[in-house]
PDB file of N, CA and C in Angstrom:
ATOM      1  N   UNK A   1      -3.994 -13.221  11.625  1.00  0.00           N
ATOM      2  CA  UNK A   1      -4.551 -14.473  11.017  1.00  0.00           C
ATOM      3  C   UNK A   1      -4.370 -14.866   9.706  1.00  0.00           C
ATOM      4  N   UNK A   2      -5.004 -15.774   8.747  1.00  0.00           N
ATOM      5  CA  UNK A   2      -4.902 -15.733   7.748  1.00  0.00           C
ATOM      6  C   UNK A   2      -5.926 -14.916   6.665  1.00  0.00           C
ATOM      7  N   UNK A   3      -6.745 -13.971   7.493  1.00  0.00           N
ATOM      8  CA  UNK A   3      -7.944 -13.608   6.923  1.00  0.00           C
ATOM      9  C   UNK A   3      -7.186 -12.578   6.445  1.00  0.00           C
ATOM     10  N   UNK A   4      -6.286 -11.398   7.366  1.00  0.00           N
ATOM     11  CA  UNK A   4      -5.690 -10.178   7.260  1.00  0.00           C
ATOM     12  C   UNK A   4      -3.645 -10.825   6.115  1.00  0.00           C
ATOM     13  N   UNK A   5      -3.478 -11.974   5.623  1.00  0.00           N
ATOM     14  CA  UNK A   5      -2.087 -12.278   5.152  1.00  0.00           C
ATOM     15  C   UNK A   5      -2.294 -11.697   3.807  1.00  0.00           C
ATOM     16  N   UNK A   6      -1.131 -10.921   3.761  1.00  0.00           N
ATOM     17  CA  UNK A   6      -1.502  -9.924   1.947  1.00  0.00           C
ATOM     18  C   UNK A   6      -0.507 -10.378   1.407  1.00  0.00           C
ATOM     19  N   UNK A   7       0.137 -10.466   0.186  1.00  0.00           N
ATOM     20  CA  UNK A   7       0.506 -11.274  -1.004  1.00  0.00           C
ATOM     21  C   UNK A   7       1.884 -11.136  -0.748  1.00  0.00           C
ATOM     22  N   UNK A   8       2.021 -10.111   0.060  1.00  0.00           N
ATOM     23  CA  UNK A   8       3.434 -10.342   0.064  1.00  0.00           C
ATOM     24  C   UNK A   8       4.625 -10.325   1.282  1.00  0.00           C
ATOM     25  N   UNK A   9       3.774 -10.759   2.118  1.00  0.00           N
ATOM     26  CA  UNK A   9       3.521 -11.419   3.200  1.00  0.00           C
ATOM     27  C   UNK A   9       3.837 -13.114   2.948  1.00  0.00           C
ATOM     28  N   UNK A  10       2.839 -13.456   2.195  1.00  0.00           N
ATOM     29  CA  UNK A  10       2.637 -14.616   2.338  1.00  0.00           C
ATOM     30  C   UNK A  10       4.252 -14.901   0.962  1.00  0.00           C
ATOM     31  N   UNK A  11       4.202 -14.155   0.449  1.00  0.00           N
ATOM     32  CA  UNK A  11       6.162 -15.004  -0.461  1.00  0.00           C
ATOM     33  C   UNK A  11       7.150 -14.709  -0.372  1.00  0.00           C
ATOM     34  N   UNK A  12       6.797 -13.098   0.729  1.00  0.00           N
ATOM     35  CA  UNK A  12       8.402 -13.469   2.264  1.00  0.00           C
ATOM     36  C   UNK A  12       8.462 -14.218   2.548  1.00  0.00           C
ATOM     37  N   UNK A  13       7.202 -15.093   3.120  1.00  0.00           N
ATOM     38  CA  UNK A  13       7.022 -15.805   4.654  1.00  0.00           C
ATOM     39  C   UNK A  13       7.858 -17.783   3.013  1.00  0.00           C
ATOM     40  N   UNK A  14       7.126 -17.603   2.276  1.00  0.00           N
ATOM     41  CA  UNK A  14       7.923 -18.742   0.844  1.00  0.00           C
ATOM     42  C   UNK A  14       9.178 -18.336   0.966  1.00  0.00           C
ATOM     43  N   UNK A  15       9.393 -17.402   0.857  1.00  0.00           N
ATOM     44  CA  UNK A  15      11.278 -17.363   0.660  1.00  0.00           C
ATOM     45  C   UNK A  15      11.802 -17.672   2.041  1.00  0.00           C
ATOM     46  N   UNK A  16      11.724 -17.020   2.800  1.00  0.00           N
ATOM     47  CA  UNK A  16      12.195 -17.542   3.878  1.00  0.00           C
ATOM     48  C   UNK A  16      12.161 -18.634   4.285  1.00  0.00           C
ATOM     49  N   UNK A  17      10.740 -19.367   4.414  1.00  0.00           N
ATOM     50  CA  UNK A  17      10.763 -21.430   4.179  1.00  0.00           C
ATOM     51  C   UNK A  17      11.912 -22.033   3.264  1.00  0.00           C
ATOM     52  N   UNK A  18      11.984 -21.340   1.955  1.00  0.00           N
ATOM     53  CA  UNK A  18      12.532 -21.622   1.053  1.00  0.00           C
ATOM     54  C   UNK A  18      14.498 -21.509   1.181  1.00  0.00           C
ATOM     55  N   UNK A  19      14.404 -20.486   1.927  1.00  0.00           N
ATOM     56  CA  UNK A  19      16.010 -20.320   2.377  1.00  0.00           C
ATOM     57  C   UNK A  19      16.061 -18.872   1.708  1.00  0.00           C
ATOM     58  N   UNK A  20      15.561 -18.517   0.647  1.00  0.00           N
ATOM     59  CA  UNK A  20      16.390 -17.703  -0.343  1.00  0.00           C
ATOM     60  C   UNK A  20      15.834 -15.936   0.238  1.00  0.00           C
ATOM     61  N   UNK A  21      16.417 -15.888   1.333  1.00  0.00           N
ATOM     62  CA  UNK A  21      16.528 -14.570   2.289  1.00  0.00           C
ATOM     63  C   UNK A  21      17.096 -13.401   1.324  1.00  0.00           C
ATOM     64  N   UNK A  22      17.388 -13.464   0.125  1.00  0.00           N
ATOM     65  CA  UNK A  22      17.818 -12.109  -0.859  1.00  0.00           C
ATOM     66  C   UNK A  22      15.805 -11.635  -1.156  1.00  0.00           C
ATOM     67  N   UNK A  23      15.030 -12.831  -2.248  1.00  0.00           N
ATOM     68  CA  UNK A  23      14.130 -12.418  -1.917  1.00  0.00           C
ATOM     69  C   UNK A  23      13.168 -12.485  -0.463  1.00  0.00           C
ATOM     70  N   UNK A  24      12.835 -13.134   0.272  1.00  0.00           N
ATOM     71  CA  UNK A  24      12.480 -12.620   1.216  1.00  0.00           C
ATOM     72  C   UNK A  24      12.935 -11.652   1.938  1.00  0.00           C
ATOM     73  N   UNK A  25      13.918 -10.653   1.500  1.00  0.00           N
ATOM     74  CA  UNK A  25      13.818  -9.547   2.186  1.00  0.00           C
ATOM     75  C   UNK A  25      13.493  -8.437   1.286  1.00  0.00           C
ATOM     76  N   UNK A  26      13.462  -8.721  -0.272  1.00  0.00           N
ATOM     77  CA  UNK A  26      12.292  -8.180  -1.741  1.00  0.00           C
ATOM     78  C   UNK A  26      11.190  -8.038  -0.993  1.00  0.00           C
ATOM     79  N   UNK A  27      10.509  -8.718  -0.647  1.00  0.00           N
ATOM     80  CA  UNK A  27       9.094  -9.236  -0.107  1.00  0.00           C
ATOM     81  C   UNK A  27       9.285  -8.097   1.160  1.00  0.00           C
ATOM     82  N   UNK A  28      10.194  -8.559   1.972  1.00  0.00           N
ATOM     83  CA  UNK A  28       9.660  -7.924   3.086  1.00  0.00           C
ATOM     84  C   UNK A  28       9.274  -6.518   3.421  1.00  0.00           C
ATOM     85  N   UNK A  29      10.537  -5.974   2.437  1.00  0.00           N
ATOM     86  CA  UNK A  29      10.098  -4.340   2.138  1.00  0.00           C
ATOM     87  C   UNK A  29       9.291  -4.104   1.427  1.00  0.00           C
ATOM     88  N   UNK A  30       8.930  -5.093   0.424  1.00  0.00           N
ATOM     89  CA  UNK A  30       7.478  -4.437  -0.291  1.00  0.00           C
ATOM     90  C   UNK A  30       6.105  -4.556   0.209  1.00  0.00           C
ATOM     91  N   UNK A  31       6.104  -5.210   0.943  1.00  0.00           N
ATOM     92  CA  UNK A  31       5.189  -5.571   2.327  1.00  0.00           C
ATOM     93  C   UNK A  31       4.965  -4.312   2.875  1.00  0.00           C
ATOM     94  N   UNK A  32       6.371  -3.787   3.580  1.00  0.00           N
ATOM     95  CA  UNK A  32       6.422  -2.527   4.475  1.00  0.00           C
ATOM     96  C   UNK A  32       5.810  -1.473   4.161  1.00  0.00           C
ATOM     97  N   UNK A  33       6.401  -1.398   2.831  1.00  0.00           N
ATOM     98  CA  UNK A  33       5.951   0.234   1.860  1.00  0.00           C
ATOM     99  C   UNK A  33       4.443   0.255   1.427  1.00  0.00           C
ATOM    100  N   UNK A  34       4.256  -0.966   0.942  1.00  0.00           N
ATOM    101  CA  UNK A  34       2.676  -1.107   0.405  1.00  0.00           C
ATOM    102  C   UNK A  34       1.476  -1.538   1.624  1.00  0.00           C
ATOM    103  N   UNK A  35       1.818  -1.757   2.831  1.00  0.00           N
ATOM    104  CA  UNK A  35       0.844  -2.314   3.844  1.00  0.00           C
ATOM    105  C   UNK A  35       1.277  -1.548   5.328  1.00  0.00           C
ATOM    106  N   UNK A  36       2.133  -0.832   5.635  1.00  0.00           N
ATOM    107  CA  UNK A  36       2.227  -0.571   6.699  1.00  0.00           C
ATOM    108  C   UNK A  36       1.112   0.354   7.261  1.00  0.00           C
ATOM    109  N   UNK A  37       0.403   0.678   6.267  1.00  0.00           N
ATOM    110  CA  UNK A  37      -0.500   2.277   7.018  1.00  0.00           C
ATOM    111  C   UNK A  37      -1.816   1.132   7.574  1.00  0.00           C
ATOM    112  N   UNK A  38      -1.895  -0.362   6.862  1.00  0.00           N
ATOM    113  CA  UNK A  38      -3.064  -0.962   7.479  1.00  0.00           C
ATOM    114  C   UNK A  38      -2.829  -1.849   8.630  1.00  0.00           C
ATOM    115  N   UNK A  39      -0.834  -1.815   9.274  1.00  0.00           N
ATOM    116  CA  UNK A  39      -0.681  -2.996   9.942  1.00  0.00           C
ATOM    117  C   UNK A  39      -0.884  -2.178  11.883  1.00  0.00           C
ATOM    118  N   UNK A  40      -1.257  -3.512  12.466  1.00  0.00           N
ATOM    119  CA  UNK A  40      -0.759  -3.408  13.705  1.00  0.00           C
ATOM    120  C   UNK A  40       0.420  -3.063  14.101  1.00  0.00           C
ATOM    121  N   UNK A  41       0.705  -2.102  15.040  1.00  0.00           N
ATOM    122  CA  UNK A  41       1.684  -1.832  15.736  1.00  0.00           C
ATOM    123  C   UNK A  41       2.860  -3.740  16.082  1.00  0.00           C
ATOM    124  N   UNK A  42       2.186  -4.483  16.566  1.00  0.00           N
ATOM    125  CA  UNK A  42       2.581  -5.279  16.884  1.00  0.00           C
ATOM    126  C   UNK A  42       3.381  -5.839  15.191  1.00  0.00           C
ATOM    127  N   UNK A  43       2.215  -6.214  14.602  1.00  0.00           N
ATOM    128  CA  UNK A  43       3.050  -6.340  13.061  1.00  0.00           C
ATOM    129  C   UNK A  43       4.165  -6.162  12.436  1.00  0.00           C
ATOM    130  N   UNK A  44       3.850  -4.611  12.526  1.00  0.00           N
ATOM    131  CA  UNK A  44       4.967  -3.496  11.524  1.00  0.00           C
ATOM    132  C   UNK A  44       6.444  -3.658  12.387  1.00  0.00           C
ATOM    133  N   UNK A  45       6.236  -3.605  13.686  1.00  0.00           N
ATOM    134  CA  UNK A  45       7.236  -4.319  14.689  1.00  0.00           C
ATOM    135  C   UNK A  45       8.076  -5.499  13.944  1.00  0.00           C
ATOM    136  N   UNK A  46       7.281  -6.375  13.884  1.00  0.00           N
ATOM    137  CA  UNK A  46       7.798  -7.877  13.053  1.00  0.00           C
ATOM    138  C   UNK A  46       8.368  -7.707  12.330  1.00  0.00           C
ATOM    139  N   UNK A  47       7.372  -6.974  11.223  1.00  0.00           N
ATOM    140  CA  UNK A  47       8.483  -6.364   9.788  1.00  0.00           C
ATOM    141  C   UNK A  47       9.728  -6.113  10.256  1.00  0.00           C
ATOM    142  N   UNK A  48       9.823  -4.552  10.579  1.00  0.00           N
ATOM    143  CA  UNK A  48      10.915  -3.798  10.446  1.00  0.00           C
ATOM    144  C   UNK A  48      12.256  -5.320  11.772  1.00  0.00           C
ATOM    145  N   UNK A  49      11.565  -5.755  11.950  1.00  0.00           N
ATOM    146  CA  UNK A  49      12.533  -6.521  13.093  1.00  0.00           C
ATOM    147  C   UNK A  49      12.963  -7.215  11.553  1.00  0.00           C
ATOM    148  N   UNK A  50      12.153  -8.248  11.138  1.00  0.00           N
ATOM    149  CA  UNK A  50      12.269  -8.786  10.262  1.00  0.00           C
ATOM    150  C   UNK A  50      13.783  -8.910   8.784  1.00  0.00           C
ATOM    151  N   UNK A  51      13.489  -7.211   8.469  1.00  0.00           N
ATOM    152  CA  UNK A  51      13.752  -6.305   7.694  1.00  0.00           C
ATOM    153  C   UNK A  51      15.417  -6.679   8.152  1.00  0.00           C
ATOM    154  N   UNK A  52      15.574  -5.993   9.400  1.00  0.00           N
ATOM    155  CA  UNK A  52      16.838  -6.331  10.050  1.00  0.00           C
ATOM    156  C   UNK A  52      17.310  -6.950  10.003  1.00  0.00           C
ATOM    157  N   UNK A  53      17.072  -8.103  10.521  1.00  0.00           N
ATOM    158  CA  UNK A  53      17.602  -9.135  10.173  1.00  0.00           C
ATOM    159  C   UNK A  53      18.154  -9.812   9.555  1.00  0.00           C
ATOM    160  N   UNK A  54      17.045  -9.990   8.162  1.00  0.00           N
ATOM    161  CA  UNK A  54      18.127 -10.327   6.792  1.00  0.00           C
ATOM    162  C   UNK A  54      19.128  -9.031   6.103  1.00  0.00           C
ATOM    163  N   UNK A  55      18.588  -7.944   6.827  1.00  0.00           N
ATOM    164  CA  UNK A  55      20.079  -7.183   6.174  1.00  0.00           C
ATOM    165  C   UNK A  55      21.230  -7.575   6.553  1.00  0.00           C
ATOM    166  N   UNK A  56      21.218  -7.876   7.979  1.00  0.00           N
ATOM    167  CA  UNK A  56      21.698  -8.465   8.854  1.00  0.00           C
ATOM    168  C   UNK A  56      22.456  -9.783   8.259  1.00  0.00           C
ATOM    169  N   UNK A  57      21.803 -10.718   8.133  1.00  0.00           N
ATOM    170  CA  UNK A  57      22.541 -11.722   7.479  1.00  0.00           C
ATOM    171  C   UNK A  57      22.965 -12.072   5.731  1.00  0.00           C
ATOM    172  N   UNK A  58      22.938 -10.496   5.768  1.00  0.00           N
ATOM    173  CA  UNK A  58      23.919 -10.471   4.305  1.00  0.00           C
ATOM    174  C   UNK A  58      25.249  -9.605   4.166  1.00  0.00           C
ATOM    175  N   UNK A  59      24.816 -10.075   5.431  1.00  0.00           N
ATOM    176  CA  UNK A  59      26.787  -8.994   5.894  1.00  0.00           C
ATOM    177  C   UNK A  59      27.504 -10.467   6.214  1.00  0.00           C
ATOM    178  N   UNK A  60      28.720 -10.640   5.461  1.00  0.00           N
ATOM    179  CA  UNK A  60      29.505 -12.330   5.916  1.00  0.00           C
ATOM    180  C   UNK A  60      29.988 -11.789   6.783  1.00  0.00           C
ATOM    181  N   UNK A  61      30.806 -11.008   7.151  1.00  0.00           N
ATOM    182  CA  UNK A  61      31.230 -10.470   8.414  1.00  0.00           C
ATOM    183  C   UNK A  61      30.755 -10.652  10.018  1.00  0.00           C
ATOM    184  N   UNK A  62      29.272 -10.692   9.926  1.00  0.00           N
ATOM    185  CA  UNK A  62      28.573 -10.520  11.196  1.00  0.00           C
ATOM    186  C   UNK A  62      27.753 -11.967  11.155  1.00  0.00           C
ATOM    187  N   UNK A  63      27.390 -12.164  12.664  1.00  0.00           N
ATOM    188  CA  UNK A  63      27.178 -13.117  13.317  1.00  0.00           C
ATOM    189  C   UNK A  63      25.841 -12.846  13.230  1.00  0.00           C
ATOM    190  N   UNK A  64      24.778 -12.963  12.603  1.00  0.00           N
ATOM    191  CA  UNK A  64      23.108 -12.488  13.423  1.00  0.00           C
ATOM    192  C   UNK A  64      23.016 -12.746  14.948  1.00  0.00           C
ATOM    193  N   UNK A  65      23.712 -13.410  15.765  1.00  0.00           N
ATOM    194  CA  UNK A  65      23.424 -14.730  17.045  1.00  0.00           C
ATOM    195  C   UNK A  65      24.157 -13.339  18.120  1.00  0.00           C
ATOM    196  N   UNK A  66      24.885 -12.549  17.407  1.00  0.00           N
ATOM    197  CA  UNK A  66      25.869 -12.054  18.142  1.00  0.00           C
ATOM    198  C   UNK A  66      25.285 -11.241  18.417  1.00  0.00           C
ATOM    199  N   UNK A  67      23.755 -10.767  17.878  1.00  0.00           N
ATOM    200  CA  UNK A  67      23.258  -9.411  17.714  1.00  0.00           C
ATOM    201  C   UNK A  67      21.645  -9.864  19.210  1.00  0.00           C
ATOM    202  N   UNK A  68      20.916 -11.506  19.350  1.00  0.00           N
ATOM    203  CA  UNK A  68      20.068 -11.641  19.684  1.00  0.00           C
ATOM    204  C   UNK A  68      19.655 -10.517  20.912  1.00  0.00           C
ATOM    205  N   UNK A  69      20.794 -10.313  21.934  1.00  0.00           N
ATOM    206  CA  UNK A  69      20.103  -9.342  23.143  1.00  0.00           C
ATOM    207  C   UNK A  69      19.789  -7.719  22.674  1.00  0.00           C
ATOM    208  N   UNK A  70      20.222  -7.268  21.810  1.00  0.00           N
ATOM    209  CA  UNK A  70      19.980  -6.596  21.159  1.00  0.00           C
ATOM    210  C   UNK A  70      18.158  -6.326  20.099  1.00  0.00           C
ATOM    211  N   UNK A  71      18.198  -7.318  19.769  1.00  0.00           N
ATOM    212  CA  UNK A  71      17.221  -7.224  18.618  1.00  0.00           C
ATOM    213  C   UNK A  71      16.082  -7.416  20.078  1.00  0.00           C
ATOM    214  N   UNK A  72      16.027  -8.693  20.586  1.00  0.00           N
ATOM    215  CA  UNK A  72      15.251  -8.495  21.574  1.00  0.00           C
ATOM    216  C   UNK A  72      14.780  -7.583  22.617  1.00  0.00           C
ATOM    217  N   UNK A  73      16.105  -6.641  22.897  1.00  0.00           N
ATOM    218  CA  UNK A  73      15.836  -5.173  23.335  1.00  0.00           C
ATOM    219  C   UNK A  73      15.103  -4.294  22.389  1.00  0.00           C
ATOM    220  N   UNK A  74      15.154  -4.308  21.222  1.00  0.00           N
ATOM    221  CA  UNK A  74      14.773  -3.169  20.040  1.00  0.00           C
ATOM    222  C   UNK A  74      13.583  -3.335  20.076  1.00  0.00           C
ATOM    223  N   UNK A  75      13.368  -4.819  19.575  1.00  0.00           N
ATOM    224  CA  UNK A  75      11.782  -4.946  19.106  1.00  0.00           C
ATOM    225  C   UNK A  75      11.255  -6.143  19.958  1.00  0.00           C
ATOM    226  N   UNK A  76      11.460  -6.484  21.032  1.00  0.00           N
ATOM    227  CA  UNK A  76      10.951  -7.204  21.986  1.00  0.00           C
ATOM    228  C   UNK A  76      10.927  -8.919  21.745  1.00  0.00           C
ATOM    229  N   UNK A  77      10.857  -9.912  22.978  1.00  0.00           N
ATOM    230  CA  UNK A  77      11.076 -11.594  22.303  1.00  0.00           C
ATOM    231  C   UNK A  77      10.222 -11.646  21.299  1.00  0.00           C
ATOM    232  N   UNK A  78       9.298 -11.511  21.454  1.00  0.00           N
ATOM    233  CA  UNK A  78       7.865 -11.572  20.556  1.00  0.00           C
ATOM    234  C   UNK A  78       8.299 -11.799  19.075  1.00  0.00           C
ATOM    235  N   UNK A  79       8.631 -10.781  18.808  1.00  0.00           N
ATOM    236  CA  UNK A  79       9.327 -10.234  17.195  1.00  0.00           C
ATOM    237  C   UNK A  79      10.398 -11.196  16.980  1.00  0.00           C
ATOM    238  N   UNK A  80      11.162 -11.254  17.825  1.00  0.00           N
ATOM    239  CA  UNK A  80      12.811 -11.878  17.672  1.00  0.00           C
ATOM    240  C   UNK A  80      12.268 -13.404  17.626  1.00  0.00           C
TER     241      UNK A  80
END
């Protein structure tokens, strides 16, 4: 919910919405580093998934969709 949203999370989501994947990754990693101790397991899993997807998106020779099944197995359908 909004009442538990951290500033890094907001900045990451705004960067994603704006299509700035590089900044989204920066703020996702910042969020994980500074807030992971207070995250629920589900929320921590979501940010691990997001970080991995953003890293994958930076690799020009890979198509993230080809990894969909692996991501669902690793992180769960809700996170993906």
